[in-house]
PDB file of N, CA and C in Angstrom:
ATOM      1  N   MET A   1       0.603  -0.923  -0.390  1.00  0.00           N
ATOM      2  CA  MET A   1       0.502  -0.177  -0.735  1.00  0.00           C
ATOM      3  C   MET A   1       1.232   1.329  -0.118  1.00  0.00           C
ATOM      4  N   PRO A   2       0.582   1.914  -0.358  1.00  0.00           N
ATOM      5  CA  PRO A   2       1.664   2.628  -0.581  1.00  0.00           C
ATOM      6  C   PRO A   2       1.003   4.192   0.258  1.00  0.00           C
ATOM      7  N   GLN A   3       2.248   5.430   0.491  1.00  0.00           N
ATOM      8  CA  GLN A   3       2.182   6.135   1.645  1.00  0.00           C
ATOM      9  C   GLN A   3       1.591   6.705   0.942  1.00  0.00           C
ATOM     10  N   PRO A   4       0.630   8.349   1.609  1.00  0.00           N
ATOM     11  CA  PRO A   4       0.329   9.360   1.988  1.00  0.00           C
ATOM     12  C   PRO A   4       1.147  10.304   1.090  1.00  0.00           C
ATOM     13  N   ALA A   5       0.871  10.933  -0.069  1.00  0.00           N
ATOM     14  CA  ALA A   5       1.961  12.536  -0.066  1.00  0.00           C
ATOM     15  C   ALA A   5       1.659  13.331   1.455  1.00  0.00           C
ATOM     16  N   GLN A   6       3.547  13.600   1.345  1.00  0.00           N
ATOM     17  CA  GLN A   6       3.193  14.321   2.759  1.00  0.00           C
ATOM     18  C   GLN A   6       3.018  15.813   2.676  1.00  0.00           C
ATOM     19  N   ALA A   7       1.976  16.398   3.190  1.00  0.00           N
ATOM     20  CA  ALA A   7       1.203  17.504   2.775  1.00  0.00           C
ATOM     21  C   ALA A   7       2.578  19.332   2.919  1.00  0.00           C
ATOM     22  N   ARG A   8       2.503  19.439   2.104  1.00  0.00           N
ATOM     23  CA  ARG A   8       2.810  20.837   2.472  1.00  0.00           C
ATOM     24  C   ARG A   8       2.232  21.543   2.861  1.00  0.00           C
ATOM     25  N   PRO A   9       3.282  23.101   3.644  1.00  0.00           N
ATOM     26  CA  PRO A   9       2.920  24.020   4.408  1.00  0.00           C
ATOM     27  C   PRO A   9       1.877  25.011   3.873  1.00  0.00           C
ATOM     28  N   VAL A  10       1.366  25.461   3.517  1.00  0.00           N
ATOM     29  CA  VAL A  10       0.562  26.499   3.160  1.00  0.00           C
ATOM     30  C   VAL A  10       1.458  28.279   2.809  1.00  0.00           C
ATOM     31  N   PHE A  11       1.917  28.685   3.753  1.00  0.00           N
ATOM     32  CA  PHE A  11       2.804  29.533   3.566  1.00  0.00           C
ATOM     33  C   PHE A  11       4.085  29.470   4.625  1.00  0.00           C
ATOM     34  N   SER A  12       4.650  30.476   3.733  1.00  0.00           N
ATOM     35  CA  SER A  12       6.222  30.500   3.837  1.00  0.00           C
ATOM     36  C   SER A  12       6.417  30.820   5.147  1.00  0.00           C
ATOM     37  N   THR A  13       7.491  31.481   6.063  1.00  0.00           N
ATOM     38  CA  THR A  13       7.739  31.973   7.258  1.00  0.00           C
ATOM     39  C   THR A  13       7.811  33.001   6.902  1.00  0.00           C
ATOM     40  N   GLU A  14       8.473  34.227   5.392  1.00  0.00           N
ATOM     41  CA  GLU A  14       8.353  34.982   4.866  1.00  0.00           C
ATOM     42  C   GLU A  14       7.361  35.030   4.839  1.00  0.00           C
ATOM     43  N   ASP A  15       5.922  34.581   4.571  1.00  0.00           N
ATOM     44  CA  ASP A  15       4.486  35.067   4.726  1.00  0.00           C
ATOM     45  C   ASP A  15       4.056  35.646   5.471  1.00  0.00           C
ATOM     46  N   PHE A  16       4.232  35.271   7.222  1.00  0.00           N
ATOM     47  CA  PHE A  16       3.900  35.665   7.876  1.00  0.00           C
ATOM     48  C   PHE A  16       4.027  36.823   8.234  1.00  0.00           C
ATOM     49  N   ALA A  17       5.234  37.193   8.166  1.00  0.00           N
ATOM     50  CA  ALA A  17       5.788  38.808   7.659  1.00  0.00           C
ATOM     51  C   ALA A  17       5.028  39.352   7.165  1.00  0.00           C
ATOM     52  N   LEU A  18       4.607  39.754   5.750  1.00  0.00           N
ATOM     53  CA  LEU A  18       3.814  39.973   5.236  1.00  0.00           C
ATOM     54  C   LEU A  18       2.270  40.427   5.615  1.00  0.00           C
ATOM     55  N   LEU A  19       1.883  39.355   6.199  1.00  0.00           N
ATOM     56  CA  LEU A  19       0.602  39.147   6.233  1.00  0.00           C
ATOM     57  C   LEU A  19       0.589  39.984   8.150  1.00  0.00           C
ATOM     58  N   LYS A  20       1.634  39.762   8.186  1.00  0.00           N
ATOM     59  CA  LYS A  20       1.260  40.758  10.245  1.00  0.00           C
ATOM     60  C   LYS A  20       1.714  41.815   9.477  1.00  0.00           C
ATOM     61  N   GLU A  21       2.179  42.362   8.898  1.00  0.00           N
ATOM     62  CA  GLU A  21       2.617  43.708   7.795  1.00  0.00           C
ATOM     63  C   GLU A  21       1.067  44.622   7.514  1.00  0.00           C
ATOM     64  N   ALA A  22       0.859  43.814   7.088  1.00  0.00           N
ATOM     65  CA  ALA A  22      -1.258  43.925   6.160  1.00  0.00           C
ATOM     66  C   ALA A  22      -2.167  43.663   7.416  1.00  0.00           C
ATOM     67  N   VAL A  23      -1.954  42.834   8.714  1.00  0.00           N
ATOM     68  CA  VAL A  23      -2.547  42.971   9.060  1.00  0.00           C
ATOM     69  C   VAL A  23      -2.469  44.715  10.814  1.00  0.00           C
ATOM     70  N   ALA A  24      -1.314  44.603  10.724  1.00  0.00           N
ATOM     71  CA  ALA A  24      -0.855  46.213  10.937  1.00  0.00           C
ATOM     72  C   ALA A  24      -1.597  47.342  10.670  1.00  0.00           C
ATOM     73  N   HIS A  25      -1.016  46.879   9.218  1.00  0.00           N
ATOM     74  CA  HIS A  25      -2.059  48.316   8.689  1.00  0.00           C
ATOM     75  C   HIS A  25      -3.742  48.454   9.089  1.00  0.00           C
ATOM     76  N   TYR A  26      -4.171  47.255   8.180  1.00  0.00           N
ATOM     77  CA  TYR A  26      -4.981  47.264   8.656  1.00  0.00           C
ATOM     78  C   TYR A  26      -5.914  47.884  10.202  1.00  0.00           C
ATOM     79  N   ALA A  27      -4.970  47.052  11.287  1.00  0.00           N
ATOM     80  CA  ALA A  27      -6.217  47.215  12.872  1.00  0.00           C
ATOM     81  C   ALA A  27      -5.675  49.192  12.404  1.00  0.00           C
ATOM     82  N   ARG A  28      -4.761  49.155  12.581  1.00  0.00           N
ATOM     83  CA  ARG A  28      -5.054  50.970  12.152  1.00  0.00           C
ATOM     84  C   ARG A  28      -5.754  51.738  11.225  1.00  0.00           C
ATOM     85  N   THR A  29      -5.871  51.394  10.295  1.00  0.00           N
ATOM     86  CA  THR A  29      -6.755  51.744   9.825  1.00  0.00           C
ATOM     87  C   THR A  29      -8.352  51.974   9.641  1.00  0.00           C
ATOM     88  N   ILE A  30      -8.803  50.616  11.060  1.00  0.00           N
ATOM     89  CA  ILE A  30     -10.075  50.784  11.332  1.00  0.00           C
ATOM     90  C   ILE A  30     -10.245  50.720  13.312  1.00  0.00           C
ATOM     91  N   GLN A  31      -8.583  51.024  13.140  1.00  0.00           N
ATOM     92  CA  GLN A  31      -8.649  52.147  14.993  1.00  0.00           C
ATOM     93  C   GLN A  31      -9.510  51.865  15.729  1.00  0.00           C
ATOM     94  N   ASP A  32     -10.971  52.551  15.124  1.00  0.00           N
ATOM     95  CA  ASP A  32     -11.749  52.948  16.052  1.00  0.00           C
ATOM     96  C   ASP A  32     -13.567  52.225  15.634  1.00  0.00           C
ATOM     97  N   LYS A  33     -13.052  51.364  15.694  1.00  0.00           N
ATOM     98  CA  LYS A  33     -14.424  50.709  15.385  1.00  0.00           C
ATOM     99  C   LYS A  33     -14.045  48.819  15.985  1.00  0.00           C
ATOM    100  N   PRO A  34     -15.099  48.475  15.926  1.00  0.00           N
ATOM    101  CA  PRO A  34     -14.911  47.100  17.458  1.00  0.00           C
ATOM    102  C   PRO A  34     -13.960  46.172  16.946  1.00  0.00           C
ATOM    103  N   GLU A  35     -14.486  45.684  15.885  1.00  0.00           N
ATOM    104  CA  GLU A  35     -14.012  44.655  15.265  1.00  0.00           C
ATOM    105  C   GLU A  35     -11.569  44.629  14.936  1.00  0.00           C
ATOM    106  N   SER A  36     -11.279  45.453  15.096  1.00  0.00           N
ATOM    107  CA  SER A  36     -10.579  46.323  15.475  1.00  0.00           C
ATOM    108  C   SER A  36      -9.390  45.297  16.450  1.00  0.00           C
ATOM    109  N   SER A  37     -10.014  45.625  17.551  1.00  0.00           N
ATOM    110  CA  SER A  37      -9.354  44.333  18.519  1.00  0.00           C
ATOM    111  C   SER A  37      -9.335  42.590  18.351  1.00  0.00           C
ATOM    112  N   LYS A  38     -10.029  42.374  17.295  1.00  0.00           N
ATOM    113  CA  LYS A  38      -9.992  40.666  16.677  1.00  0.00           C
ATOM    114  C   LYS A  38      -8.444  41.250  15.426  1.00  0.00           C
ATOM    115  N   PHE A  39      -8.208  42.083  14.832  1.00  0.00           N
ATOM    116  CA  PHE A  39      -7.061  41.812  14.021  1.00  0.00           C
ATOM    117  C   PHE A  39      -5.956  42.483  14.590  1.00  0.00           C
ATOM    118  N   THR A  40      -6.588  43.088  16.078  1.00  0.00           N
ATOM    119  CA  THR A  40      -5.440  42.884  16.827  1.00  0.00           C
ATOM    120  C   THR A  40      -4.550  41.933  17.947  1.00  0.00           C
ATOM    121  N   ASN A  41      -5.500  41.050  17.866  1.00  0.00           N
ATOM    122  CA  ASN A  41      -5.041  39.550  18.829  1.00  0.00           C
ATOM    123  C   ASN A  41      -4.347  38.943  17.329  1.00  0.00           C
ATOM    124  N   LEU A  42      -5.102  38.772  16.101  1.00  0.00           N
ATOM    125  CA  LEU A  42      -4.344  38.466  15.121  1.00  0.00           C
ATOM    126  C   LEU A  42      -2.828  39.272  14.440  1.00  0.00           C
ATOM    127  N   TYR A  43      -2.572  40.893  14.712  1.00  0.00           N
ATOM    128  CA  TYR A  43      -1.432  40.488  14.866  1.00  0.00           C
ATOM    129  C   TYR A  43      -0.667  39.934  15.875  1.00  0.00           C
ATOM    130  N   HIS A  44      -0.819  39.947  17.083  1.00  0.00           N
ATOM    131  CA  HIS A  44      -0.480  39.269  17.864  1.00  0.00           C
ATOM    132  C   HIS A  44      -0.415  37.692  17.398  1.00  0.00           C
ATOM    133  N   ARG A  45      -1.322  36.913  17.206  1.00  0.00           N
ATOM    134  CA  ARG A  45      -0.638  35.553  16.731  1.00  0.00           C
ATOM    135  C   ARG A  45       0.629  35.121  16.051  1.00  0.00           C
ATOM    136  N   LEU A  46      -0.417  36.413  15.471  1.00  0.00           N
ATOM    137  CA  LEU A  46       0.720  36.427  14.091  1.00  0.00           C
ATOM    138  C   LEU A  46       2.372  35.967  15.300  1.00  0.00           C
ATOM    139  N   GLY A  47       2.981  37.193  15.324  1.00  0.00           N
ATOM    140  CA  GLY A  47       4.268  37.066  15.574  1.00  0.00           C
ATOM    141  C   GLY A  47       4.847  36.189  16.514  1.00  0.00           C
ATOM    142  N   ARG A  48       4.334  35.372  16.831  1.00  0.00           N
ATOM    143  CA  ARG A  48       4.403  34.091  17.535  1.00  0.00           C
ATOM    144  C   ARG A  48       5.004  33.283  16.765  1.00  0.00           C
ATOM    145  N   LEU A  49       4.585  33.275  15.715  1.00  0.00           N
ATOM    146  CA  LEU A  49       4.933  31.288  14.013  1.00  0.00           C
ATOM    147  C   LEU A  49       5.898  32.178  13.292  1.00  0.00           C
ATOM    148  N   GLY A  50       5.937  33.729  13.235  1.00  0.00           N
ATOM    149  CA  GLY A  50       6.839  33.687  12.900  1.00  0.00           C
ATOM    150  C   GLY A  50       7.880  34.741  12.568  1.00  0.00           C
TER     151      GLY A  50
END
């Protein structure tokens, strides 16, 4: 029975830095809206990954 193909990562470590920068910019843009805290939390989670 053949082995299943190994899963490849969806994002590279460089992608996390780009995503973090984009989320930071967006969070600053919407800082007066209630959903801004969700993006701030996402920014910090991305920082732990990349």
